[in-house]
N, C-alpha and C. Protein backbone atom coordinates (compact mmCIF):
# COMPACT_ATOMS: atom_id res chain seq x y z
N MET A 1 20.33 8.29 34.58
CA MET A 1 20.65 10.02 34.31
C MET A 1 21.55 9.61 33.47
N GLY A 2 21.35 10.96 32.69
CA GLY A 2 22.67 11.27 31.88
C GLY A 2 23.14 12.95 32.15
N GLY A 3 23.87 13.24 31.13
CA GLY A 3 23.88 14.30 31.08
C GLY A 3 25.79 14.11 31.63
N PRO A 4 26.45 15.67 31.08
CA PRO A 4 27.88 15.44 31.35
C PRO A 4 28.31 15.47 32.78
N ASP A 5 27.17 15.76 33.98
CA ASP A 5 27.60 15.69 35.20
C ASP A 5 26.84 14.67 36.11
N SER A 6 26.38 13.07 34.99
CA SER A 6 25.74 12.61 36.03
C SER A 6 26.40 12.08 36.71
N ALA A 7 27.26 11.87 36.48
CA ALA A 7 28.91 11.25 37.79
C ALA A 7 28.53 12.54 39.59
N LEU A 8 27.70 13.54 39.51
CA LEU A 8 27.65 14.25 40.61
C LEU A 8 26.71 13.03 41.28
N VAL A 9 25.64 12.44 40.54
CA VAL A 9 24.39 12.14 41.31
C VAL A 9 24.73 10.73 41.85
N ALA A 10 24.40 10.56 43.69
CA ALA A 10 24.80 9.98 44.32
C ALA A 10 24.23 8.39 44.35
N ALA A 11 23.20 8.30 43.78
CA ALA A 11 22.34 6.68 43.20
C ALA A 11 22.03 7.13 42.26
N ASP A 12 22.70 6.82 40.85
CA ASP A 12 22.93 7.00 39.29
C ASP A 12 21.15 5.81 38.45
N ALA A 13 20.89 4.58 39.76
CA ALA A 13 19.80 3.79 39.23
C ALA A 13 18.80 3.80 39.62
N ASP A 14 18.94 4.80 41.00
CA ASP A 14 17.63 5.81 41.55
C ASP A 14 16.33 6.81 41.34
N SER A 15 15.35 6.08 41.54
CA SER A 15 14.41 7.40 40.81
C SER A 15 14.34 9.11 41.42
N ALA A 16 14.62 8.32 42.75
CA ALA A 16 15.42 9.59 43.52
C ALA A 16 15.87 9.90 43.67
N SER A 17 17.53 10.62 44.09
CA SER A 17 18.23 10.75 44.38
C SER A 17 19.46 11.76 45.09
N THR A 18 20.18 12.69 45.04
CA THR A 18 20.38 13.06 46.07
C THR A 18 22.01 13.71 44.76
N LEU A 19 21.83 15.17 44.32
CA LEU A 19 23.11 15.91 43.53
C LEU A 19 24.15 16.60 44.42
N LEU A 20 25.72 16.24 44.46
CA LEU A 20 26.45 17.08 45.05
C LEU A 20 26.74 18.56 43.63
N MET A 21 26.33 19.52 44.18
CA MET A 21 26.15 20.78 43.18
C MET A 21 27.59 20.90 43.29
N PRO A 22 28.41 20.71 42.04
CA PRO A 22 29.57 21.23 41.93
C PRO A 22 29.18 23.59 42.16
N SER A 23 30.68 23.41 42.17
CA SER A 23 30.91 25.14 41.95
C SER A 23 30.14 25.80 40.66
N ARG A 24 29.56 25.66 40.14
CA ARG A 24 29.24 25.83 38.33
C ARG A 24 28.23 25.39 38.69
N PRO A 25 27.18 25.79 37.13
CA PRO A 25 26.05 25.41 37.02
C PRO A 25 26.32 23.98 35.93
N ALA A 26 25.19 23.38 36.44
CA ALA A 26 25.04 21.83 35.97
C ALA A 26 24.26 21.09 35.38
N SER A 27 24.61 20.33 34.91
CA SER A 27 23.59 19.76 34.06
C SER A 27 23.44 18.27 33.79
N ILE A 28 21.91 17.53 34.48
CA ILE A 28 21.55 16.33 34.26
C ILE A 28 20.18 16.42 33.54
N ARG A 29 19.93 14.96 33.27
CA ARG A 29 18.39 14.58 32.60
C ARG A 29 18.35 13.33 33.16
N ALA A 30 16.97 12.96 33.13
CA ALA A 30 16.45 11.74 33.64
C ALA A 30 16.51 11.02 32.05
N VAL A 31 16.72 9.54 32.39
CA VAL A 31 16.46 8.51 31.26
C VAL A 31 15.76 7.63 31.31
N TYR A 32 14.62 6.89 30.95
CA TYR A 32 13.90 6.55 30.77
C TYR A 32 14.11 5.23 29.74
N GLN A 33 13.29 4.09 30.66
CA GLN A 33 13.65 3.16 29.80
C GLN A 33 12.24 2.02 29.89
N PRO A 34 11.63 1.53 29.34
CA PRO A 34 10.73 0.39 29.28
C PRO A 34 10.72 -0.49 29.95
N ILE A 35 9.93 -0.43 30.48
CA ILE A 35 10.33 -2.15 31.52
C ILE A 35 9.29 -3.30 30.29
N LEU A 36 9.84 -3.84 31.18
CA LEU A 36 10.15 -5.17 29.79
C LEU A 36 9.44 -6.48 30.46
N TYR A 37 7.97 -6.80 29.62
CA TYR A 37 7.57 -7.86 30.43
C TYR A 37 7.54 -9.46 29.83
N SER A 38 7.48 -10.77 30.95
CA SER A 38 7.89 -12.13 29.96
C SER A 38 6.39 -12.47 29.25
N LEU A 39 6.67 -13.07 28.15
CA LEU A 39 5.66 -13.48 27.42
C LEU A 39 5.84 -14.80 27.29
N MET A 40 5.35 -16.00 27.57
CA MET A 40 5.96 -17.16 27.26
C MET A 40 4.73 -17.68 26.30
N VAL A 41 5.40 -17.65 24.61
CA VAL A 41 4.83 -18.88 23.78
C VAL A 41 4.56 -20.66 23.94
N ILE A 42 3.48 -21.01 24.21
CA ILE A 42 3.91 -22.44 24.58
C ILE A 42 2.91 -23.32 23.20
N GLY A 43 3.60 -24.18 22.28
CA GLY A 43 3.54 -24.29 21.36
C GLY A 43 3.36 -23.58 20.28
N GLY A 44 4.30 -22.98 20.67
CA GLY A 44 4.97 -22.33 18.84
C GLY A 44 6.23 -21.11 19.16
N SER A 45 5.88 -19.73 18.63
CA SER A 45 7.00 -19.14 18.94
C SER A 45 6.65 -17.68 19.07
N GLY A 46 7.79 -16.57 19.74
CA GLY A 46 7.66 -15.48 19.46
C GLY A 46 7.79 -14.67 21.03
N GLY A 47 7.70 -15.76 22.17
CA GLY A 47 7.41 -15.57 23.17
C GLY A 47 9.41 -14.87 23.75
N GLY A 48 9.63 -13.72 25.21
CA GLY A 48 10.92 -13.47 24.94
C GLY A 48 10.39 -11.96 26.37
N SER A 49 11.04 -11.19 26.02
CA SER A 49 10.38 -9.69 26.87
C SER A 49 9.91 -8.53 25.54
N HIS A 50 8.97 -8.03 26.35
CA HIS A 50 8.08 -7.14 25.38
C HIS A 50 7.98 -5.93 25.94
N ALA A 51 7.68 -5.07 25.73
CA ALA A 51 7.70 -3.74 26.26
C ALA A 51 5.33 -3.67 26.56
N ALA A 52 5.40 -2.83 27.23
CA ALA A 52 3.27 -2.78 27.41
C ALA A 52 2.95 -2.12 25.82
N LYS A 53 2.28 -2.48 25.28
CA LYS A 53 1.46 -2.27 24.13
C LYS A 53 2.25 -2.50 22.69
N GLU A 54 3.32 -3.03 22.96
CA GLU A 54 4.19 -3.41 21.84
C GLU A 54 3.59 -4.74 21.10
N ASN A 55 3.28 -4.39 19.64
CA ASN A 55 2.55 -5.75 18.78
C ASN A 55 3.75 -6.65 18.74
N VAL A 56 3.07 -8.32 19.25
CA VAL A 56 4.29 -9.19 19.15
C VAL A 56 4.47 -9.98 18.10
N ALA A 57 4.71 -10.30 17.58
CA ALA A 57 4.67 -11.52 15.99
C ALA A 57 4.47 -12.70 17.14
N ILE A 58 3.35 -14.08 17.03
CA ILE A 58 3.53 -14.99 16.94
C ILE A 58 3.31 -15.84 16.46
N SER A 59 3.59 -17.18 16.51
CA SER A 59 3.64 -18.14 15.82
C SER A 59 3.25 -19.95 16.50
N ALA A 60 2.31 -20.54 15.50
CA ALA A 60 2.39 -22.06 16.17
C ALA A 60 2.98 -22.60 15.05
N ASN A 61 3.51 -23.63 16.28
CA ASN A 61 4.32 -24.77 16.03
C ASN A 61 3.78 -25.36 14.29
N ASP A 62 4.32 -25.73 13.28
CA ASP A 62 4.27 -26.61 12.23
C ASP A 62 2.63 -26.85 12.16
N SER A 63 1.98 -27.19 11.25
CA SER A 63 0.37 -27.20 11.05
C SER A 63 0.39 -28.45 11.60
N THR A 64 1.48 -29.63 11.23
CA THR A 64 1.21 -31.09 11.63
C THR A 64 2.03 -30.96 12.84
N TYR A 65 1.68 -30.56 14.25
CA TYR A 65 2.48 -30.84 15.56
C TYR A 65 1.28 -31.85 16.33
N ALA A 66 2.55 -33.09 16.56
CA ALA A 66 1.93 -34.20 17.49
C ALA A 66 0.52 -34.40 16.39
N GLY A 67 0.58 -34.27 15.10
CA GLY A 67 -0.25 -35.59 14.29
C GLY A 67 -1.65 -34.43 14.42
N ARG A 68 -1.65 -32.92 14.41
CA ARG A 68 -2.91 -32.14 14.98
C ARG A 68 -2.42 -30.70 14.42
N GLY A 69 -3.55 -30.01 14.04
CA GLY A 69 -3.30 -28.88 13.32
C GLY A 69 -4.07 -27.39 13.93
N PHE A 70 -2.97 -26.57 13.69
CA PHE A 70 -3.79 -25.13 15.01
C PHE A 70 -5.33 -25.53 14.54
N GLY A 71 -5.61 -24.56 16.19
CA GLY A 71 -7.11 -24.82 16.34
C GLY A 71 -7.70 -23.03 16.35
N HIS A 72 -6.92 -22.62 17.59
CA HIS A 72 -6.71 -21.01 18.24
C HIS A 72 -5.55 -20.88 18.86
N TRP A 73 -5.42 -19.68 19.75
CA TRP A 73 -4.67 -18.85 20.39
C TRP A 73 -5.54 -19.09 21.58
N ALA A 74 -4.76 -19.31 22.77
CA ALA A 74 -6.07 -19.09 23.99
C ALA A 74 -5.01 -18.80 24.97
N ASP A 75 -5.36 -17.45 26.05
CA ASP A 75 -4.19 -17.21 27.19
C ASP A 75 -4.65 -18.12 28.12
N ARG A 76 -3.59 -18.88 28.65
CA ARG A 76 -3.18 -19.57 30.20
C ARG A 76 -3.25 -18.94 30.90
N ILE A 77 -4.67 -19.41 31.63
CA ILE A 77 -5.31 -18.71 32.96
C ILE A 77 -4.56 -19.23 34.32
N VAL A 78 -4.62 -21.03 34.46
CA VAL A 78 -4.00 -21.44 35.28
C VAL A 78 -2.93 -22.20 35.92
N HIS A 79 -3.20 -23.56 35.29
CA HIS A 79 -1.50 -24.36 34.72
C HIS A 79 -1.53 -24.70 33.77
N GLY A 80 -0.95 -24.85 32.47
CA GLY A 80 -0.72 -25.30 31.72
C GLY A 80 -1.85 -24.69 30.60
N CYS A 81 -2.21 -25.26 29.79
CA CYS A 81 -2.85 -25.36 28.50
C CYS A 81 -3.78 -25.95 28.43
N GLY A 82 -4.35 -26.22 29.57
CA GLY A 82 -5.00 -27.64 29.20
C GLY A 82 -6.95 -26.38 29.91
N ASN A 83 -5.84 -25.20 31.23
CA ASN A 83 -7.15 -24.57 31.60
C ASN A 83 -7.09 -23.40 30.84
N PHE A 84 -7.48 -22.43 30.09
CA PHE A 84 -7.80 -21.78 29.40
C PHE A 84 -8.72 -21.12 28.99
N ARG A 85 -8.85 -20.09 27.74
CA ARG A 85 -10.29 -19.41 27.53
C ARG A 85 -9.23 -19.10 26.35
N GLN A 86 -10.14 -19.08 25.48
CA GLN A 86 -9.78 -18.57 24.30
C GLN A 86 -9.20 -17.13 23.67
N ALA A 87 -8.52 -16.41 23.38
CA ALA A 87 -8.04 -15.31 22.99
C ALA A 87 -8.31 -15.04 21.63
N GLN A 88 -8.79 -13.35 21.60
CA GLN A 88 -9.27 -13.10 19.91
C GLN A 88 -7.81 -12.25 20.00
N GLN A 89 -7.47 -11.80 21.13
CA GLN A 89 -5.80 -11.14 20.58
C GLN A 89 -5.17 -10.96 22.18
N HIS A 90 -3.83 -10.89 21.85
CA HIS A 90 -2.79 -10.74 23.11
C HIS A 90 -2.73 -9.33 23.15
N SER A 91 -3.84 -8.56 24.03
CA SER A 91 -3.38 -7.62 24.10
C SER A 91 -2.85 -6.50 25.32
N ASP A 92 -3.02 -7.39 26.71
CA ASP A 92 -2.53 -6.77 28.31
C ASP A 92 -0.91 -7.31 28.27
N ALA A 93 -0.60 -6.70 27.77
CA ALA A 93 1.31 -6.89 27.96
C ALA A 93 1.97 -6.00 28.65
N SER A 94 0.83 -5.75 29.64
CA SER A 94 1.11 -4.76 31.40
C SER A 94 1.56 -5.89 32.35
N ARG A 95 1.92 -6.89 32.05
CA ARG A 95 2.16 -8.36 32.79
C ARG A 95 2.74 -9.21 32.23
N PRO A 96 3.93 -10.26 33.00
CA PRO A 96 3.96 -11.72 32.52
C PRO A 96 2.83 -12.05 32.39
N ALA A 97 2.86 -13.46 31.29
CA ALA A 97 1.50 -14.09 30.40
C ALA A 97 2.49 -15.46 29.85
N SER A 98 1.54 -15.89 29.68
CA SER A 98 1.58 -16.92 28.51
C SER A 98 0.59 -17.31 27.98
N ILE A 99 0.70 -17.90 26.39
CA ILE A 99 -0.39 -17.56 25.20
C ILE A 99 -0.27 -19.21 24.68
N CYS A 100 -1.43 -19.71 24.74
CA CYS A 100 -1.17 -20.74 24.01
C CYS A 100 -1.56 -21.67 23.23
N ALA A 101 -0.94 -22.35 21.91
CA ALA A 101 -1.13 -22.41 20.41
C ALA A 101 -2.41 -23.36 20.92
N VAL A 102 -3.56 -23.63 20.75
CA VAL A 102 -4.69 -25.33 20.60
C VAL A 102 -4.47 -25.49 19.90
N TYR A 103 -4.10 -27.10 19.90
CA TYR A 103 -4.31 -28.02 18.58
C TYR A 103 -5.50 -29.06 18.40
N ARG A 104 -5.67 -28.78 17.01
CA ARG A 104 -7.09 -29.66 16.55
C ARG A 104 -6.52 -31.59 16.09
N PRO A 105 -7.45 -32.29 16.19
CA PRO A 105 -6.97 -33.44 15.24
C PRO A 105 -7.33 -32.84 14.16
N ILE A 106 -6.41 -33.80 13.21
CA ILE A 106 -6.68 -33.62 11.82
C ILE A 106 -7.22 -34.87 11.43
N LEU A 107 -8.54 -34.48 10.46
CA LEU A 107 -9.55 -35.35 10.39
C LEU A 107 -9.40 -36.06 8.83
N LEU A 108 -9.64 -37.29 8.65
CA LEU A 108 -8.75 -37.99 7.64
C LEU A 108 -9.88 -38.89 6.98
N PRO A 109 -10.13 -38.76 5.59
CA PRO A 109 -11.06 -39.80 4.95
C PRO A 109 -10.60 -40.99 5.15
N LEU A 110 -11.84 -41.96 5.38
CA LEU A 110 -11.64 -43.73 5.39
C LEU A 110 -12.79 -43.98 4.43
N THR A 111 -12.26 -44.61 3.38
CA THR A 111 -13.50 -45.29 2.14
C THR A 111 -13.13 -46.73 2.51
N ILE A 112 -14.34 -47.45 2.73
CA ILE A 112 -14.50 -49.17 3.02
C ILE A 112 -15.02 -49.67 1.85
N VAL A 113 -14.43 -50.05 0.63
CA VAL A 113 -15.07 -50.49 -0.55
C VAL A 113 -15.68 -52.22 -0.14
N GLY A 114 -16.77 -52.63 -0.64
CA GLY A 114 -17.55 -53.48 -0.44
C GLY A 114 -17.76 -53.92 1.11
N GLY A 115 -18.50 -52.85 2.08
CA GLY A 115 -18.40 -52.74 3.48
C GLY A 115 -18.75 -51.50 3.86
N SER A 116 -18.65 -51.88 5.28
CA SER A 116 -19.25 -50.31 5.60
C SER A 116 -17.75 -49.83 6.59
N GLY A 117 -18.00 -48.94 7.34
CA GLY A 117 -17.04 -48.40 8.24
C GLY A 117 -15.79 -46.87 7.82
N SER A 118 -16.72 -46.60 6.84
CA SER A 118 -16.02 -45.23 5.96
C SER A 118 -16.40 -44.72 6.55
N GLY A 119 -15.71 -42.86 6.92
CA GLY A 119 -15.77 -42.34 7.76
C GLY A 119 -14.95 -41.03 7.37
N ILE A 120 -14.70 -40.51 8.53
CA ILE A 120 -13.53 -39.01 8.24
C ILE A 120 -13.08 -39.44 9.89
N TYR A 121 -11.66 -39.47 10.06
CA TYR A 121 -11.12 -39.79 11.06
C TYR A 121 -10.19 -39.47 11.76
N PRO A 122 -9.82 -39.01 12.73
CA PRO A 122 -8.20 -38.46 13.30
C PRO A 122 -7.72 -40.11 12.93
N GLY A 123 -5.81 -39.65 12.78
CA GLY A 123 -5.20 -40.52 12.50
C GLY A 123 -5.37 -41.20 14.16
N GLY A 124 -4.87 -42.39 13.56
CA GLY A 124 -4.45 -43.03 14.95
C GLY A 124 -5.84 -43.39 15.68
N THR A 125 -7.26 -43.18 14.89
CA THR A 125 -8.43 -43.84 15.71
C THR A 125 -8.35 -45.19 15.06
N VAL A 126 -8.83 -46.28 15.76
CA VAL A 126 -9.14 -47.33 15.84
C VAL A 126 -10.69 -47.50 15.09
N VAL A 127 -10.47 -47.84 14.00
CA VAL A 127 -11.59 -47.92 13.57
C VAL A 127 -12.59 -49.73 13.06
N THR A 128 -13.87 -49.89 13.21
CA THR A 128 -14.29 -51.11 13.27
C THR A 128 -15.09 -51.29 11.69
N ILE A 129 -14.30 -52.50 11.20
CA ILE A 129 -14.99 -52.30 9.54
C ILE A 129 -15.41 -53.49 9.36
N VAL A 130 -16.38 -53.34 8.70
CA VAL A 130 -17.74 -54.92 8.14
C VAL A 130 -17.68 -54.86 6.60
N ALA A 131 -17.68 -56.47 6.41
CA ALA A 131 -17.45 -56.62 4.98
C ALA A 131 -18.83 -56.96 4.86
N ASN A 132 -19.53 -56.70 3.23
CA ASN A 132 -20.49 -57.01 2.75
C ASN A 132 -21.12 -58.05 2.67
N ASP A 133 -21.81 -58.91 2.43
CA ASP A 133 -22.14 -61.03 2.64
C ASP A 133 -21.38 -60.93 1.65
N THR A 134 -21.80 -60.52 0.67
CA THR A 134 -21.56 -61.21 -0.96
C THR A 134 -21.30 -59.54 -1.61
N GLY A 135 -19.78 -59.81 -2.54
CA GLY A 135 -19.02 -58.59 -3.42
C GLY A 135 -19.83 -58.04 -4.81
N GLY A 136 -19.21 -58.06 -5.58
CA GLY A 136 -19.62 -58.10 -6.66
C GLY A 136 -20.03 -59.20 -7.34
N GLY A 137 -20.90 -59.34 -7.84
CA GLY A 137 -21.37 -60.57 -8.66
C GLY A 137 -21.29 -61.84 -7.88
N GLY A 138 -21.75 -61.36 -6.03
CA GLY A 138 -22.70 -62.34 -5.67
C GLY A 138 -21.58 -63.12 -5.10
N ASN A 139 -20.20 -63.43 -5.42
CA ASN A 139 -18.84 -63.79 -4.75
C ASN A 139 -19.09 -63.36 -2.64
N PRO A 140 -18.99 -65.07 -2.27
CA PRO A 140 -18.55 -64.21 -0.42
C PRO A 140 -17.18 -63.73 -0.61
N PHE A 141 -17.38 -63.04 0.63
CA PHE A 141 -16.58 -62.38 1.44
C PHE A 141 -14.33 -63.21 1.22
N HIS A 142 -13.94 -63.00 0.98
CA HIS A 142 -12.48 -63.84 0.99
C HIS A 142 -11.53 -63.10 2.17
N HIS A 143 -11.64 -61.77 2.21
CA HIS A 143 -10.21 -60.89 2.72
C HIS A 143 -10.27 -59.33 2.68
N TRP A 144 -9.68 -58.64 3.29
CA TRP A 144 -9.04 -57.48 3.06
C TRP A 144 -8.03 -57.07 2.44
N ALA A 145 -8.70 -56.37 1.71
CA ALA A 145 -7.04 -55.55 0.95
C ALA A 145 -7.25 -54.56 0.72
N GLY A 146 -5.90 -53.49 0.34
CA GLY A 146 -6.49 -51.89 -0.21
C GLY A 146 -4.53 -52.01 -0.59
N PRO A 147 -4.89 -50.73 -1.41
CA PRO A 147 -3.56 -49.96 -2.15
C PRO A 147 -3.09 -49.26 -1.36
N ASP A 148 -3.72 -49.02 0.47
CA ASP A 148 -2.91 -47.97 0.42
C ASP A 148 -1.91 -48.68 1.91
N GLY A 149 -1.76 -50.00 2.03
CA GLY A 149 -0.72 -50.83 2.54
C GLY A 149 -1.72 -50.81 3.89
N ILE A 150 -2.47 -50.73 4.18
CA ILE A 150 -3.16 -50.76 5.53
C ILE A 150 -3.30 -51.90 5.73
N LEU A 151 -3.65 -53.15 7.04
CA LEU A 151 -3.45 -54.00 7.27
C LEU A 151 -4.36 -54.30 8.39
N ALA A 152 -5.37 -54.55 7.98
CA ALA A 152 -6.38 -54.75 9.12
C ALA A 152 -6.07 -56.28 10.81
N ALA A 153 -6.77 -56.23 11.73
CA ALA A 153 -6.47 -56.78 12.55
C ALA A 153 -6.39 -57.81 12.32
N GLN A 154 -7.33 -58.60 11.39
CA GLN A 154 -7.54 -60.05 10.96
C GLN A 154 -8.20 -59.94 9.37
N LYS A 155 -6.77 -59.74 8.43
CA LYS A 155 -7.14 -60.14 7.43
C LYS A 155 -8.60 -60.61 6.66
N SER A 156 -8.36 -62.16 7.12
CA SER A 156 -9.74 -63.08 6.89
C SER A 156 -10.93 -62.54 7.37
N ALA A 157 -11.42 -61.87 8.18
CA ALA A 157 -12.18 -61.95 8.95
C ALA A 157 -13.26 -60.77 8.15
N ALA A 158 -14.84 -60.70 8.57
CA ALA A 158 -15.99 -60.11 8.15
C ALA A 158 -15.89 -58.62 8.57
N THR A 159 -15.29 -58.77 9.99
CA THR A 159 -15.72 -57.77 10.79
C THR A 159 -14.26 -57.77 11.70
N THR A 160 -13.59 -57.09 11.77
CA THR A 160 -12.13 -56.42 12.15
C THR A 160 -11.70 -55.06 12.18
N ILE A 161 -10.97 -55.20 12.68
CA ILE A 161 -10.67 -53.53 13.01
C ILE A 161 -9.23 -53.56 12.30
N VAL A 162 -8.70 -51.60 11.86
CA VAL A 162 -7.94 -51.03 11.01
C VAL A 162 -7.83 -49.94 12.11
N THR A 163 -6.37 -49.28 11.96
CA THR A 163 -6.26 -48.34 12.74
C THR A 163 -5.92 -47.29 11.46
N MET A 164 -6.77 -45.92 11.66
CA MET A 164 -6.23 -45.19 10.53
C MET A 164 -4.77 -44.75 10.97
N PRO A 165 -4.45 -44.73 10.00
CA PRO A 165 -3.04 -43.70 9.33
C PRO A 165 -2.74 -42.62 9.21
N PRO A 166 -1.89 -41.59 9.25
CA PRO A 166 -2.37 -39.95 9.46
C PRO A 166 -1.70 -39.66 7.83
N ARG A 167 -3.31 -40.29 6.87
CA ARG A 167 -3.09 -39.81 5.85
C ARG A 167 -4.75 -40.33 5.38
N PRO A 168 -5.12 -40.00 3.82
CA PRO A 168 -6.18 -40.35 4.19
C PRO A 168 -6.26 -42.01 3.28
N ALA A 169 -7.14 -43.13 3.43
CA ALA A 169 -7.33 -44.05 3.04
C ALA A 169 -8.12 -44.80 2.52
N THR A 170 -8.08 -45.86 1.45
CA THR A 170 -9.18 -46.94 0.86
C THR A 170 -8.47 -48.13 0.92
N ILE A 171 -9.48 -48.97 1.75
CA ILE A 171 -9.21 -50.56 1.96
C ILE A 171 -10.24 -50.85 1.02
């Protein structure tokens, strides 16, 4: 409540109250404030308390968050971001809510020169690589080498594994 005579109202914060009428004309007014609802943004920013129908700017964490790139936004339904539905937009701000940034693996090219195993892989993937029987000029396989500094598990084995680094690579 507000106005010069608001001190005459018995319970200032209640929507229904009583007024002790003075022996003169009195003036009071009802004062309204928006109801705020909590918004939790998981994997991004923009959470906090917001009024219903308020446009809320949200943003996902850095695009390389945990070796993954941003995929889409999802409303949290049950527990955590593991149980979600894809959100086209978050428009129901008339209740507390959580929204999750869902990340997808960043896929990177691996090129194997003189063998097989080339492809597109997420960083950290273990890839089997196999050398051709003979290299250019008919020479037999000797060892794996590459300018990217990637180490094969068994450098001198024709069939071995490498762990995909978090960048494009050539062996």
